[in-house]
């Protein structure tokens, strides 16, 4: 759909389209082509199930592009920066904290993905206590389902998990085994999910209290 407009099942029931930050745009017979056109007056916000990209991640992506493509004159911005800045500005203006990754404007989405792909994919540190029956992994802080389904999760879903475990800061990757996180050693997600001996044998306490 043009301009990043997203029509959800909830919105369709009442004939509304919503943009990438979950605000109604206009009636379906005359869908807005610009995701910035907000029909807010006398229209209730439609609850939209979404994999949200947090504003902090938008800001991080902006800083990534500022370092990667600095302004030649201190005024002009590179195209990826402009695209991300537009989404950031709308979030600030409407006092929202997340943008929907599926309906984010294409240029902003591509710029954000370039930043996302520069990060470690998985928080796994090869101490996989979910394979020993824990609901929450002691090593990385993910739930059993998140570990099992990690390769199927979208970038937005992965970043939401990363944000949660980072804010909680209870997993061993953030304290007693922080050096493993710094090493960023590649670990097979299949091995982590299955509890392969190779995935956890590096530490004798793997999977224990």
N, C-alpha and C. Protein backbone atom coordinates (compact mmCIF):
# COMPACT_ATOMS: atom_id res chain seq x y z
N UNK A 1 0.84 -1.18 0.00
CA UNK A 1 0.00 0.00 0.00
C UNK A 1 0.88 1.24 0.00
N UNK A 2 0.55 2.24 -0.75
CA UNK A 2 1.42 3.38 -0.98
C UNK A 2 1.69 4.13 0.31
N UNK A 3 2.93 4.68 0.37
CA UNK A 3 3.27 5.59 1.46
C UNK A 3 3.38 4.95 2.82
N UNK A 4 3.48 3.64 2.91
CA UNK A 4 3.65 2.98 4.19
C UNK A 4 2.36 2.85 4.96
N UNK A 5 1.22 3.17 4.39
CA UNK A 5 -0.05 3.04 5.09
C UNK A 5 -0.35 1.58 5.38
N UNK A 6 -0.83 1.30 6.59
CA UNK A 6 -1.11 -0.07 6.98
C UNK A 6 -2.58 -0.21 7.33
N UNK A 7 -3.23 -1.16 6.72
CA UNK A 7 -4.62 -1.44 7.04
C UNK A 7 -4.68 -2.72 7.85
N UNK A 8 -5.06 -2.60 9.11
CA UNK A 8 -5.11 -3.76 9.99
C UNK A 8 -6.52 -4.32 10.03
N UNK A 9 -6.62 -5.53 10.57
CA UNK A 9 -7.94 -6.16 10.69
C UNK A 9 -8.85 -5.32 11.57
N UNK A 10 -8.29 -4.76 12.65
CA UNK A 10 -9.08 -3.93 13.54
C UNK A 10 -9.57 -2.67 12.83
N UNK A 11 -8.68 -2.07 12.06
CA UNK A 11 -9.05 -0.84 11.37
C UNK A 11 -10.07 -1.12 10.28
N UNK A 12 -9.93 -2.27 9.62
CA UNK A 12 -10.84 -2.59 8.53
C UNK A 12 -12.28 -2.71 9.03
N UNK A 13 -12.45 -3.16 10.28
CA UNK A 13 -13.79 -3.33 10.82
C UNK A 13 -14.55 -1.99 10.89
N UNK A 14 -13.78 -0.93 11.09
CA UNK A 14 -14.43 0.38 11.20
C UNK A 14 -14.09 1.28 10.02
N UNK A 15 -13.43 0.71 9.01
CA UNK A 15 -13.14 1.46 7.80
C UNK A 15 -12.05 2.49 7.96
N UNK A 16 -10.98 2.17 8.72
CA UNK A 16 -9.90 3.12 8.92
C UNK A 16 -8.57 2.49 8.56
N UNK A 17 -7.67 3.31 8.05
CA UNK A 17 -6.29 2.90 7.85
C UNK A 17 -5.44 3.59 8.91
N UNK A 18 -4.33 2.97 9.28
CA UNK A 18 -3.45 3.56 10.28
C UNK A 18 -2.05 3.66 9.73
N UNK A 19 -1.27 4.60 10.28
CA UNK A 19 0.08 4.79 9.79
C UNK A 19 1.06 4.00 10.66
N UNK A 20 2.37 4.26 10.46
CA UNK A 20 3.38 3.42 11.12
C UNK A 20 3.52 3.70 12.60
N UNK A 21 2.87 4.72 13.15
CA UNK A 21 2.87 4.90 14.60
C UNK A 21 1.49 4.67 15.18
N UNK A 22 0.60 4.02 14.39
CA UNK A 22 -0.67 3.56 14.91
C UNK A 22 -1.77 4.58 14.93
N UNK A 23 -1.63 5.69 14.21
CA UNK A 23 -2.67 6.72 14.19
C UNK A 23 -3.58 6.55 12.98
N UNK A 24 -4.89 6.75 13.16
CA UNK A 24 -5.81 6.66 12.03
C UNK A 24 -5.49 7.70 10.98
N UNK A 25 -5.68 7.33 9.72
CA UNK A 25 -5.43 8.27 8.65
C UNK A 25 -6.73 8.82 8.07
N UNK A 26 -7.52 7.95 7.44
CA UNK A 26 -8.74 8.41 6.80
C UNK A 26 -9.60 7.20 6.51
N UNK A 27 -10.74 7.38 5.87
CA UNK A 27 -11.61 6.25 5.56
C UNK A 27 -11.03 5.44 4.42
N UNK A 28 -11.36 4.15 4.38
CA UNK A 28 -10.80 3.26 3.37
C UNK A 28 -11.08 3.68 1.94
N UNK A 29 -12.28 4.18 1.59
CA UNK A 29 -12.51 4.56 0.20
C UNK A 29 -11.57 5.63 -0.30
N UNK A 30 -10.95 6.39 0.59
CA UNK A 30 -10.02 7.43 0.16
C UNK A 30 -8.75 7.34 0.98
N UNK A 31 -8.03 6.21 0.86
CA UNK A 31 -6.84 5.97 1.65
C UNK A 31 -5.78 7.04 1.38
N UNK A 32 -5.19 7.57 2.45
CA UNK A 32 -4.13 8.55 2.28
C UNK A 32 -2.88 7.88 1.75
N UNK A 33 -2.19 8.53 0.84
CA UNK A 33 -0.97 7.98 0.29
C UNK A 33 0.25 8.42 1.07
N UNK A 34 0.09 9.37 1.97
CA UNK A 34 1.19 9.91 2.75
C UNK A 34 1.01 9.51 4.21
N UNK A 35 1.99 8.77 4.75
CA UNK A 35 1.84 8.26 6.11
C UNK A 35 1.82 9.39 7.14
N UNK A 36 2.18 10.61 6.73
CA UNK A 36 2.21 11.72 7.67
C UNK A 36 0.85 12.40 7.80
N UNK A 37 -0.13 12.01 6.95
CA UNK A 37 -1.44 12.66 7.03
C UNK A 37 -2.28 12.06 8.13
N UNK A 38 -2.42 12.76 9.23
CA UNK A 38 -3.11 12.22 10.40
C UNK A 38 -4.51 12.81 10.53
N UNK A 39 -5.52 11.96 10.47
CA UNK A 39 -6.90 12.42 10.70
C UNK A 39 -7.22 12.18 12.16
N UNK A 40 -6.78 13.07 13.02
CA UNK A 40 -6.90 12.86 14.46
C UNK A 40 -8.20 13.41 15.03
N UNK A 41 -8.75 14.41 14.42
CA UNK A 41 -9.92 15.06 14.99
C UNK A 41 -11.12 14.12 15.01
N UNK A 42 -11.68 13.95 16.18
CA UNK A 42 -12.90 13.16 16.41
C UNK A 42 -12.78 11.71 15.98
N UNK A 43 -11.55 11.19 15.85
CA UNK A 43 -11.34 9.79 15.49
C UNK A 43 -10.53 9.13 16.59
N UNK A 44 -11.07 8.07 17.16
CA UNK A 44 -10.37 7.38 18.24
C UNK A 44 -9.21 6.59 17.68
N UNK A 45 -8.12 6.48 18.45
CA UNK A 45 -6.99 5.68 18.01
C UNK A 45 -7.37 4.21 17.97
N UNK A 46 -6.92 3.52 16.93
CA UNK A 46 -7.23 2.11 16.78
C UNK A 46 -6.09 1.29 17.37
N UNK A 47 -6.35 0.38 18.31
CA UNK A 47 -5.28 -0.45 18.85
C UNK A 47 -4.72 -1.35 17.76
N UNK A 48 -3.42 -1.31 17.55
CA UNK A 48 -2.80 -2.04 16.44
C UNK A 48 -1.76 -3.00 16.99
N UNK A 49 -1.94 -4.30 16.80
CA UNK A 49 -0.89 -5.23 17.19
C UNK A 49 0.31 -5.04 16.27
N UNK A 50 1.46 -4.78 16.83
CA UNK A 50 2.60 -4.48 15.99
C UNK A 50 3.89 -4.91 16.66
N UNK A 51 4.91 -5.18 15.81
CA UNK A 51 6.26 -5.33 16.30
C UNK A 51 6.86 -3.94 16.28
N UNK A 52 6.98 -3.32 17.44
CA UNK A 52 7.36 -1.92 17.48
C UNK A 52 8.86 -1.71 17.43
N UNK A 53 9.29 -0.69 16.70
CA UNK A 53 10.68 -0.23 16.72
C UNK A 53 10.72 0.95 17.67
N UNK A 54 11.43 0.79 18.76
CA UNK A 54 11.45 1.80 19.81
C UNK A 54 12.17 3.06 19.33
N UNK A 55 11.74 4.19 19.86
CA UNK A 55 12.34 5.47 19.48
C UNK A 55 13.84 5.50 19.77
N UNK A 56 14.27 4.79 20.81
CA UNK A 56 15.70 4.74 21.12
C UNK A 56 16.48 4.06 20.00
N UNK A 57 15.86 3.07 19.36
CA UNK A 57 16.51 2.40 18.23
C UNK A 57 16.53 3.30 17.00
N UNK A 58 15.49 4.11 16.83
CA UNK A 58 15.49 5.07 15.73
C UNK A 58 16.64 6.06 15.94
N UNK A 59 16.79 6.53 17.17
CA UNK A 59 17.86 7.48 17.48
C UNK A 59 19.23 6.84 17.27
N UNK A 60 19.38 5.58 17.68
CA UNK A 60 20.65 4.89 17.49
C UNK A 60 20.97 4.75 16.00
N UNK A 61 19.95 4.45 15.20
CA UNK A 61 20.16 4.35 13.76
C UNK A 61 20.55 5.69 13.16
N UNK A 62 19.95 6.76 13.65
CA UNK A 62 20.32 8.11 13.19
C UNK A 62 21.79 8.38 13.49
N UNK A 63 22.24 8.06 14.70
CA UNK A 63 23.64 8.28 15.06
C UNK A 63 24.57 7.40 14.23
N UNK A 64 24.12 6.19 13.92
CA UNK A 64 24.89 5.30 13.04
C UNK A 64 25.12 5.96 11.69
N UNK A 65 24.06 6.53 11.11
CA UNK A 65 24.16 7.17 9.81
C UNK A 65 24.90 8.50 9.88
N UNK A 66 24.82 9.19 11.00
CA UNK A 66 25.59 10.43 11.16
C UNK A 66 27.08 10.15 11.08
N UNK A 67 27.51 9.02 11.68
CA UNK A 67 28.92 8.65 11.62
C UNK A 67 29.30 8.10 10.24
N UNK A 68 28.36 7.40 9.63
CA UNK A 68 28.63 6.76 8.34
C UNK A 68 28.59 7.74 7.19
N UNK A 69 27.66 8.70 7.25
CA UNK A 69 27.51 9.67 6.16
C UNK A 69 27.38 11.08 6.76
N UNK A 70 28.49 11.62 7.27
CA UNK A 70 28.42 12.94 7.89
C UNK A 70 28.03 14.02 6.87
N UNK A 71 27.38 15.04 7.36
CA UNK A 71 26.97 16.14 6.50
C UNK A 71 28.19 16.88 5.97
N UNK A 72 28.25 17.14 4.67
CA UNK A 72 29.42 17.84 4.11
C UNK A 72 29.51 19.30 4.52
N UNK A 73 28.35 19.90 4.86
CA UNK A 73 28.36 21.32 5.19
C UNK A 73 27.70 21.64 6.53
N UNK A 74 27.34 20.61 7.27
CA UNK A 74 26.70 20.82 8.56
C UNK A 74 25.22 21.12 8.47
N UNK A 75 24.68 21.13 7.27
CA UNK A 75 23.27 21.44 7.06
C UNK A 75 22.56 20.32 6.32
N UNK A 76 23.10 19.94 5.19
CA UNK A 76 22.46 18.92 4.36
C UNK A 76 22.64 17.54 4.97
N UNK A 77 21.56 16.76 4.99
CA UNK A 77 21.59 15.41 5.55
C UNK A 77 21.54 14.38 4.44
N UNK A 78 22.20 13.25 4.67
CA UNK A 78 22.11 12.14 3.74
C UNK A 78 20.67 11.62 3.71
N UNK A 79 20.28 11.02 2.59
CA UNK A 79 18.91 10.55 2.42
C UNK A 79 18.47 9.60 3.54
N UNK A 80 19.30 8.61 3.95
CA UNK A 80 18.87 7.73 5.05
C UNK A 80 18.62 8.49 6.35
N UNK A 81 19.43 9.50 6.60
CA UNK A 81 19.25 10.32 7.81
C UNK A 81 17.93 11.09 7.75
N UNK A 82 17.62 11.65 6.60
CA UNK A 82 16.37 12.40 6.47
C UNK A 82 15.17 11.50 6.70
N UNK A 83 15.24 10.29 6.14
CA UNK A 83 14.12 9.35 6.28
C UNK A 83 13.91 8.96 7.73
N UNK A 84 15.00 8.67 8.44
CA UNK A 84 14.90 8.29 9.85
C UNK A 84 14.48 9.48 10.71
N UNK A 85 15.00 10.65 10.40
CA UNK A 85 14.67 11.84 11.18
C UNK A 85 13.18 12.17 11.08
N UNK A 86 12.59 11.89 9.93
CA UNK A 86 11.17 12.15 9.76
C UNK A 86 10.32 11.26 10.68
N UNK A 87 10.69 9.98 10.74
CA UNK A 87 9.98 9.07 11.64
C UNK A 87 10.19 9.49 13.10
N UNK A 88 11.42 9.83 13.43
CA UNK A 88 11.74 10.25 14.80
C UNK A 88 10.93 11.48 15.19
N UNK A 89 10.86 12.44 14.28
CA UNK A 89 10.13 13.67 14.56
C UNK A 89 8.65 13.41 14.79
N UNK A 90 8.07 12.49 14.01
CA UNK A 90 6.66 12.18 14.18
C UNK A 90 6.39 11.48 15.51
N UNK A 91 7.31 10.61 15.91
CA UNK A 91 7.16 9.96 17.21
C UNK A 91 7.19 10.98 18.34
N UNK A 92 8.12 11.92 18.25
CA UNK A 92 8.22 12.96 19.26
C UNK A 92 6.97 13.85 19.26
N UNK A 93 6.54 14.23 18.07
CA UNK A 93 5.40 15.14 17.96
C UNK A 93 4.14 14.52 18.56
N UNK A 94 3.92 13.24 18.26
CA UNK A 94 2.71 12.58 18.76
C UNK A 94 2.93 11.86 20.10
N UNK A 95 4.11 12.06 20.67
CA UNK A 95 4.44 11.48 21.98
C UNK A 95 4.26 9.97 22.00
N UNK A 96 4.70 9.35 20.93
CA UNK A 96 4.70 7.89 20.84
C UNK A 96 6.11 7.38 21.09
N UNK A 97 6.23 6.13 21.47
CA UNK A 97 7.55 5.55 21.74
C UNK A 97 7.96 4.48 20.73
N UNK A 98 7.00 4.00 19.92
CA UNK A 98 7.32 2.94 18.98
C UNK A 98 6.70 3.22 17.62
N UNK A 99 7.42 2.79 16.57
CA UNK A 99 6.89 2.82 15.21
C UNK A 99 6.71 1.38 14.74
N UNK A 100 5.68 1.12 13.99
CA UNK A 100 5.39 -0.21 13.48
C UNK A 100 6.37 -0.53 12.35
N UNK A 101 7.12 -1.61 12.51
CA UNK A 101 8.15 -1.92 11.51
C UNK A 101 7.55 -2.28 10.16
N UNK A 102 6.35 -2.85 10.13
CA UNK A 102 5.77 -3.30 8.87
C UNK A 102 5.29 -2.15 8.00
N UNK A 103 4.89 -1.04 8.62
CA UNK A 103 4.36 0.07 7.84
C UNK A 103 5.25 1.31 7.89
N UNK A 104 6.47 1.14 8.36
CA UNK A 104 7.42 2.25 8.33
C UNK A 104 7.71 2.61 6.87
N UNK A 105 7.87 3.90 6.55
CA UNK A 105 8.20 4.28 5.18
C UNK A 105 9.42 3.50 4.67
N UNK A 106 9.39 3.05 3.42
CA UNK A 106 10.44 2.16 2.90
C UNK A 106 11.86 2.68 3.08
N UNK A 107 12.08 3.97 2.81
CA UNK A 107 13.44 4.51 2.94
C UNK A 107 13.92 4.47 4.39
N UNK A 108 13.03 4.79 5.31
CA UNK A 108 13.39 4.74 6.73
C UNK A 108 13.62 3.31 7.17
N UNK A 109 12.81 2.42 6.68
CA UNK A 109 12.96 0.99 7.02
C UNK A 109 14.31 0.46 6.55
N UNK A 110 14.71 0.80 5.32
CA UNK A 110 16.00 0.34 4.79
C UNK A 110 17.15 0.92 5.61
N UNK A 111 17.05 2.19 5.96
CA UNK A 111 18.11 2.83 6.74
C UNK A 111 18.20 2.20 8.13
N UNK A 112 17.05 1.91 8.74
CA UNK A 112 17.05 1.27 10.05
C UNK A 112 17.63 -0.14 9.98
N UNK A 113 17.31 -0.86 8.91
CA UNK A 113 17.81 -2.23 8.74
C UNK A 113 19.33 -2.25 8.59
N UNK A 114 19.90 -1.24 7.94
CA UNK A 114 21.36 -1.18 7.82
C UNK A 114 22.00 -1.08 9.20
N UNK A 115 21.38 -0.29 10.09
CA UNK A 115 21.88 -0.22 11.46
C UNK A 115 21.66 -1.54 12.18
N UNK A 116 20.48 -2.10 12.06
CA UNK A 116 20.15 -3.36 12.72
C UNK A 116 21.13 -4.46 12.34
N UNK A 117 21.48 -4.54 11.07
CA UNK A 117 22.37 -5.60 10.59
C UNK A 117 23.82 -5.39 11.03
N UNK A 118 24.12 -4.22 11.60
CA UNK A 118 25.48 -3.99 12.11
C UNK A 118 25.63 -4.50 13.54
N UNK A 119 24.52 -4.95 14.15
CA UNK A 119 24.52 -5.40 15.54
C UNK A 119 24.62 -6.92 15.63
N UNK A 120 25.04 -7.44 16.79
CA UNK A 120 24.97 -8.89 17.01
C UNK A 120 23.51 -9.35 16.90
N UNK A 121 23.30 -10.47 16.24
CA UNK A 121 21.91 -10.92 16.05
C UNK A 121 21.32 -11.47 17.34
N UNK A 122 22.04 -12.34 17.99
CA UNK A 122 21.49 -13.04 19.15
C UNK A 122 22.22 -12.66 20.43
N UNK A 123 21.51 -12.58 21.55
CA UNK A 123 22.16 -12.30 22.84
C UNK A 123 22.77 -13.55 23.49
N UNK A 124 22.70 -14.68 22.82
CA UNK A 124 23.20 -15.93 23.40
C UNK A 124 24.68 -15.85 23.74
N UNK A 125 25.06 -16.35 24.93
CA UNK A 125 26.46 -16.43 25.34
C UNK A 125 26.86 -17.89 25.59
N UNK A 126 26.11 -18.82 25.00
CA UNK A 126 26.40 -20.26 25.09
C UNK A 126 26.24 -20.80 26.50
N UNK A 127 25.37 -20.19 27.29
CA UNK A 127 24.96 -20.74 28.58
C UNK A 127 23.44 -20.82 28.50
N UNK A 128 22.95 -21.95 28.05
CA UNK A 128 21.55 -22.04 27.62
C UNK A 128 20.73 -22.83 28.64
N UNK A 129 20.30 -22.16 29.70
CA UNK A 129 19.64 -22.88 30.77
C UNK A 129 18.21 -23.29 30.42
N UNK A 130 17.64 -22.74 29.34
CA UNK A 130 16.30 -23.20 28.94
C UNK A 130 16.35 -24.66 28.50
N UNK A 131 17.51 -25.11 28.04
CA UNK A 131 17.63 -26.52 27.66
C UNK A 131 17.64 -27.43 28.88
N UNK A 132 17.81 -26.83 30.06
CA UNK A 132 17.77 -27.58 31.32
C UNK A 132 16.42 -27.43 32.02
N UNK A 133 15.46 -26.77 31.36
CA UNK A 133 14.12 -26.66 31.91
C UNK A 133 13.73 -25.30 32.43
N UNK A 134 14.63 -24.30 32.37
CA UNK A 134 14.29 -22.96 32.85
C UNK A 134 13.33 -22.27 31.87
N UNK A 135 12.38 -21.52 32.40
CA UNK A 135 11.49 -20.72 31.56
C UNK A 135 12.20 -19.50 31.00
N UNK A 136 13.15 -18.96 31.78
CA UNK A 136 13.95 -17.82 31.38
C UNK A 136 15.42 -18.25 31.37
N UNK A 137 16.12 -17.97 30.28
CA UNK A 137 17.52 -18.37 30.19
C UNK A 137 18.37 -17.53 31.14
N UNK A 138 19.14 -18.20 31.98
CA UNK A 138 20.03 -17.49 32.89
C UNK A 138 21.13 -16.77 32.13
N UNK A 139 21.53 -17.32 31.00
CA UNK A 139 22.63 -16.72 30.25
C UNK A 139 22.26 -15.44 29.54
N UNK A 140 21.15 -15.46 28.78
CA UNK A 140 20.82 -14.30 27.94
C UNK A 140 19.57 -13.55 28.37
N UNK A 141 18.71 -14.17 29.17
CA UNK A 141 17.51 -13.49 29.64
C UNK A 141 16.28 -13.68 28.77
N UNK A 142 16.42 -14.43 27.66
CA UNK A 142 15.26 -14.67 26.81
C UNK A 142 14.37 -15.75 27.40
N UNK A 143 13.10 -15.70 27.02
CA UNK A 143 12.19 -16.76 27.41
C UNK A 143 12.45 -18.01 26.58
N UNK A 144 11.89 -19.13 27.04
CA UNK A 144 12.03 -20.38 26.29
C UNK A 144 11.51 -20.20 24.86
N UNK A 145 10.34 -19.58 24.73
CA UNK A 145 9.76 -19.39 23.39
C UNK A 145 10.63 -18.50 22.52
N UNK A 146 11.19 -17.46 23.11
CA UNK A 146 12.05 -16.56 22.32
C UNK A 146 13.28 -17.29 21.82
N UNK A 147 13.86 -18.14 22.65
CA UNK A 147 15.02 -18.92 22.21
C UNK A 147 14.63 -19.86 21.07
N UNK A 148 13.52 -20.56 21.23
CA UNK A 148 13.09 -21.53 20.24
C UNK A 148 12.73 -20.87 18.90
N UNK A 149 12.13 -19.70 18.97
CA UNK A 149 11.58 -19.06 17.77
C UNK A 149 12.45 -17.92 17.24
N UNK A 150 13.65 -17.77 17.78
CA UNK A 150 14.47 -16.61 17.44
C UNK A 150 14.69 -16.44 15.93
N UNK A 151 14.99 -17.51 15.25
CA UNK A 151 15.27 -17.40 13.82
C UNK A 151 14.04 -17.03 13.01
N UNK A 152 12.84 -17.16 13.60
CA UNK A 152 11.61 -16.81 12.90
C UNK A 152 11.13 -15.41 13.26
N UNK A 153 11.74 -14.79 14.25
CA UNK A 153 11.29 -13.47 14.70
C UNK A 153 11.74 -12.38 13.74
N UNK A 154 10.94 -11.34 13.63
CA UNK A 154 11.29 -10.20 12.78
C UNK A 154 12.34 -9.35 13.47
N UNK A 155 13.01 -8.46 12.72
CA UNK A 155 13.97 -7.55 13.36
C UNK A 155 13.36 -6.74 14.49
N UNK A 156 12.14 -6.25 14.31
CA UNK A 156 11.49 -5.49 15.36
C UNK A 156 11.23 -6.32 16.60
N UNK A 157 10.82 -7.57 16.41
CA UNK A 157 10.58 -8.46 17.55
C UNK A 157 11.88 -8.77 18.28
N UNK A 158 12.96 -8.97 17.52
CA UNK A 158 14.25 -9.23 18.15
C UNK A 158 14.72 -8.03 18.94
N UNK A 159 14.56 -6.83 18.40
CA UNK A 159 15.00 -5.63 19.11
C UNK A 159 14.15 -5.39 20.36
N UNK A 160 12.87 -5.74 20.30
CA UNK A 160 12.03 -5.61 21.50
C UNK A 160 12.55 -6.52 22.61
N UNK A 161 12.95 -7.74 22.24
CA UNK A 161 13.52 -8.65 23.22
C UNK A 161 14.85 -8.12 23.75
N UNK A 162 15.71 -7.67 22.85
CA UNK A 162 16.99 -7.09 23.26
C UNK A 162 16.78 -5.94 24.25
N UNK A 163 15.81 -5.08 23.95
CA UNK A 163 15.56 -3.94 24.83
C UNK A 163 15.11 -4.41 26.21
N UNK A 164 14.22 -5.39 26.24
CA UNK A 164 13.72 -5.88 27.53
C UNK A 164 14.84 -6.47 28.38
N UNK A 165 15.62 -7.37 27.80
CA UNK A 165 16.67 -8.03 28.59
C UNK A 165 17.76 -7.05 29.00
N UNK A 166 17.99 -6.02 28.18
CA UNK A 166 18.99 -5.01 28.53
C UNK A 166 18.51 -4.15 29.69
N UNK A 167 17.24 -3.75 29.66
CA UNK A 167 16.69 -2.96 30.76
C UNK A 167 16.62 -3.77 32.05
N UNK A 168 16.27 -5.05 31.93
CA UNK A 168 16.22 -5.90 33.13
C UNK A 168 17.61 -6.14 33.69
N UNK A 169 18.59 -6.37 32.80
CA UNK A 169 20.00 -6.53 33.16
C UNK A 169 20.23 -7.61 34.23
N UNK A 170 19.38 -8.65 34.22
CA UNK A 170 19.49 -9.72 35.20
C UNK A 170 20.24 -10.94 34.66
N UNK A 171 20.29 -11.08 33.36
CA UNK A 171 20.93 -12.25 32.76
C UNK A 171 22.45 -12.18 32.96
N UNK A 172 23.08 -13.34 32.93
CA UNK A 172 24.51 -13.41 33.18
C UNK A 172 25.33 -12.66 32.14
N UNK A 173 24.78 -12.47 30.94
CA UNK A 173 25.55 -11.74 29.93
C UNK A 173 25.79 -10.29 30.34
N UNK A 174 25.02 -9.81 31.31
CA UNK A 174 25.16 -8.43 31.76
C UNK A 174 25.96 -8.30 33.06
N UNK A 175 26.37 -9.42 33.65
CA UNK A 175 27.11 -9.32 34.89
C UNK A 175 28.24 -10.35 34.98
N UNK A 176 27.95 -11.53 35.51
CA UNK A 176 29.04 -12.46 35.82
C UNK A 176 29.76 -12.99 34.59
N UNK A 177 29.10 -12.98 33.42
CA UNK A 177 29.76 -13.43 32.19
C UNK A 177 29.73 -12.33 31.12
N UNK A 178 29.89 -11.10 31.55
CA UNK A 178 29.85 -9.97 30.61
C UNK A 178 30.95 -10.06 29.57
N UNK A 179 32.07 -10.70 29.93
CA UNK A 179 33.16 -10.79 28.96
C UNK A 179 32.78 -11.64 27.75
N UNK A 180 31.87 -12.56 27.94
CA UNK A 180 31.41 -13.37 26.81
C UNK A 180 30.61 -12.52 25.83
N UNK A 181 29.82 -11.63 26.37
CA UNK A 181 29.05 -10.75 25.50
C UNK A 181 29.97 -9.84 24.71
N UNK A 182 31.06 -9.39 25.33
CA UNK A 182 32.01 -8.53 24.64
C UNK A 182 32.73 -9.26 23.53
N UNK A 183 32.98 -10.54 23.74
CA UNK A 183 33.65 -11.33 22.72
C UNK A 183 32.79 -11.51 21.48
N UNK A 184 31.45 -11.54 21.67
CA UNK A 184 30.50 -11.71 20.57
C UNK A 184 30.85 -12.92 19.70
N UNK A 185 31.22 -13.99 20.37
CA UNK A 185 31.55 -15.21 19.64
C UNK A 185 30.32 -15.74 18.94
N UNK A 186 30.42 -16.10 17.65
CA UNK A 186 29.25 -16.63 16.94
C UNK A 186 28.81 -17.96 17.53
N UNK A 187 27.52 -18.08 17.79
CA UNK A 187 26.94 -19.30 18.33
C UNK A 187 25.79 -19.72 17.46
N UNK A 188 25.74 -20.99 17.09
CA UNK A 188 24.63 -21.48 16.28
C UNK A 188 23.35 -21.41 17.08
N UNK A 189 22.34 -20.70 16.54
CA UNK A 189 21.06 -20.59 17.25
C UNK A 189 20.39 -21.95 17.37
N UNK A 190 20.61 -22.82 16.39
CA UNK A 190 20.04 -24.16 16.46
C UNK A 190 20.62 -24.93 17.63
N UNK A 191 21.96 -24.79 17.85
CA UNK A 191 22.59 -25.45 18.98
C UNK A 191 22.08 -24.89 20.29
N UNK A 192 21.90 -23.56 20.35
CA UNK A 192 21.43 -22.93 21.58
C UNK A 192 20.03 -23.41 21.93
N UNK A 193 19.17 -23.48 20.92
CA UNK A 193 17.78 -23.85 21.16
C UNK A 193 17.64 -25.31 21.54
N UNK A 194 18.52 -26.15 20.98
CA UNK A 194 18.38 -27.58 21.21
C UNK A 194 19.13 -28.06 22.44
N UNK A 195 20.00 -27.16 22.99
CA UNK A 195 20.77 -27.57 24.15
C UNK A 195 21.91 -28.49 23.78
N UNK A 196 22.48 -28.29 22.60
CA UNK A 196 23.61 -29.10 22.17
C UNK A 196 24.74 -29.01 23.18
N UNK A 197 25.43 -30.10 23.50
CA UNK A 197 26.54 -30.04 24.45
C UNK A 197 27.59 -29.03 24.04
N UNK A 198 27.81 -28.88 22.73
CA UNK A 198 28.81 -27.93 22.27
C UNK A 198 28.44 -26.51 22.61
N UNK A 199 27.13 -26.24 22.70
CA UNK A 199 26.70 -24.87 22.95
C UNK A 199 26.92 -24.45 24.39
N UNK A 200 26.90 -25.41 25.33
CA UNK A 200 27.00 -25.02 26.73
C UNK A 200 28.22 -25.58 27.45
N UNK A 201 29.06 -26.36 26.75
CA UNK A 201 30.14 -27.05 27.42
C UNK A 201 31.29 -26.13 27.83
N UNK A 202 31.29 -24.88 27.30
CA UNK A 202 32.39 -23.98 27.63
C UNK A 202 32.39 -23.60 29.11
N UNK A 203 31.29 -23.76 29.78
CA UNK A 203 31.23 -23.38 31.19
C UNK A 203 30.58 -24.50 32.00
N UNK A 204 31.25 -24.93 33.06
CA UNK A 204 30.72 -26.05 33.85
C UNK A 204 29.44 -25.72 34.56
N UNK A 205 29.11 -24.41 34.74
CA UNK A 205 27.91 -24.04 35.44
C UNK A 205 26.73 -23.81 34.51
N UNK A 206 26.93 -24.07 33.22
CA UNK A 206 25.85 -23.80 32.26
C UNK A 206 24.60 -24.57 32.63
N UNK A 207 23.49 -23.83 32.70
CA UNK A 207 22.21 -24.46 32.97
C UNK A 207 21.95 -24.75 34.44
N UNK A 208 22.85 -24.29 35.30
CA UNK A 208 22.64 -24.50 36.73
C UNK A 208 22.32 -23.18 37.39
N UNK A 209 21.96 -23.24 38.66
CA UNK A 209 21.64 -22.02 39.39
C UNK A 209 22.85 -21.14 39.52
